[in-house]
C-alpha atoms as a PDB file:
ATOM      1  CA  UNK A   1      -4.491 -18.560  35.832  1.00  0.00           C
ATOM      2  CA  UNK A   2      -5.360 -21.643  33.837  1.00  0.00           C
ATOM      3  CA  UNK A   3      -5.992 -21.437  30.107  1.00  0.00           C
ATOM      4  CA  UNK A   4      -9.456 -21.556  28.496  1.00  0.00           C
ATOM      5  CA  UNK A   5      -8.515 -25.020  27.230  1.00  0.00           C
ATOM      6  CA  UNK A   6      -8.038 -26.335  30.757  1.00  0.00           C
ATOM      7  CA  UNK A   7     -11.214 -24.575  31.976  1.00  0.00           C
ATOM      8  CA  UNK A   8     -13.306 -25.984  29.139  1.00  0.00           C
ATOM      9  CA  UNK A   9     -11.808 -29.481  29.643  1.00  0.00           C
ATOM     10  CA  UNK A  10     -12.491 -29.450  33.295  1.00  0.00           C
ATOM     11  CA  UNK A  11     -16.175 -28.393  32.718  1.00  0.00           C
ATOM     12  CA  UNK A  12     -16.499 -31.140  30.102  1.00  0.00           C
ATOM     13  CA  UNK A  13     -15.043 -33.770  32.520  1.00  0.00           C
ATOM     14  CA  UNK A  14     -17.098 -32.425  35.507  1.00  0.00           C
ATOM     15  CA  UNK A  15     -20.336 -32.823  33.478  1.00  0.00           C
ATOM     16  CA  UNK A  16     -19.387 -36.394  32.598  1.00  0.00           C
ATOM     17  CA  UNK A  17     -18.841 -37.291  36.291  1.00  0.00           C
ATOM     18  CA  UNK A  18     -22.097 -35.902  37.411  1.00  0.00           C
ATOM     19  CA  UNK A  19     -22.198 -32.120  37.492  1.00  0.00           C
ATOM     20  CA  UNK A  20     -25.397 -31.143  35.766  1.00  0.00           C
ATOM     21  CA  UNK A  21     -24.897 -27.428  35.564  1.00  0.00           C
ATOM     22  CA  UNK A  22     -22.071 -25.296  34.193  1.00  0.00           C
ATOM     23  CA  UNK A  23     -22.282 -23.199  37.376  1.00  0.00           C
ATOM     24  CA  UNK A  24     -21.510 -26.248  39.552  1.00  0.00           C
ATOM     25  CA  UNK A  25     -18.634 -27.174  37.211  1.00  0.00           C
ATOM     26  CA  UNK A  26     -17.203 -23.649  37.412  1.00  0.00           C
ATOM     27  CA  UNK A  27     -17.462 -23.751  41.187  1.00  0.00           C
ATOM     28  CA  UNK A  28     -15.591 -27.052  41.229  1.00  0.00           C
ATOM     29  CA  UNK A  29     -13.006 -25.623  38.837  1.00  0.00           C
ATOM     30  CA  UNK A  30     -12.476 -22.683  41.168  1.00  0.00           C
ATOM     31  CA  UNK A  31     -11.624 -25.111  44.016  1.00  0.00           C
ATOM     32  CA  UNK A  32     -10.794 -28.461  42.380  1.00  0.00           C
ATOM     33  CA  UNK A  33     -10.448 -31.658  44.344  1.00  0.00           C
ATOM     34  CA  UNK A  34      -6.823 -32.610  44.992  1.00  0.00           C
ATOM     35  CA  UNK A  35      -7.250 -35.789  42.894  1.00  0.00           C
ATOM     36  CA  UNK A  36      -8.098 -33.786  39.779  1.00  0.00           C
ATOM     37  CA  UNK A  37      -5.244 -32.064  38.060  1.00  0.00           C
ATOM     38  CA  UNK A  38      -6.063 -30.786  34.545  1.00  0.00           C
ATOM     39  CA  UNK A  39      -3.092 -31.013  32.200  1.00  0.00           C
ATOM     40  CA  UNK A  40      -2.441 -28.097  29.929  1.00  0.00           C
ATOM     41  CA  UNK A  41      -1.660 -29.102  26.363  1.00  0.00           C
ATOM     42  CA  UNK A  42       1.977 -28.890  25.378  1.00  0.00           C
ATOM     43  CA  UNK A  43       3.116 -26.804  22.447  1.00  0.00           C
ATOM     44  CA  UNK A  44       3.541 -30.016  20.392  1.00  0.00           C
ATOM     45  CA  UNK A  45      -0.091 -30.935  20.961  1.00  0.00           C
ATOM     46  CA  UNK A  46      -1.442 -27.679  19.492  1.00  0.00           C
END
């Protein structure tokens, strides 16, 4: 399961690229396109 950070980041990016509801963004997150690969922050970044 991805972290909250990755989920929030995905929703943020999804809104920017044209998703106008959080529900659509969540649905896309549940089954993301192959071209989108959210990167989890490393320990050094936190």
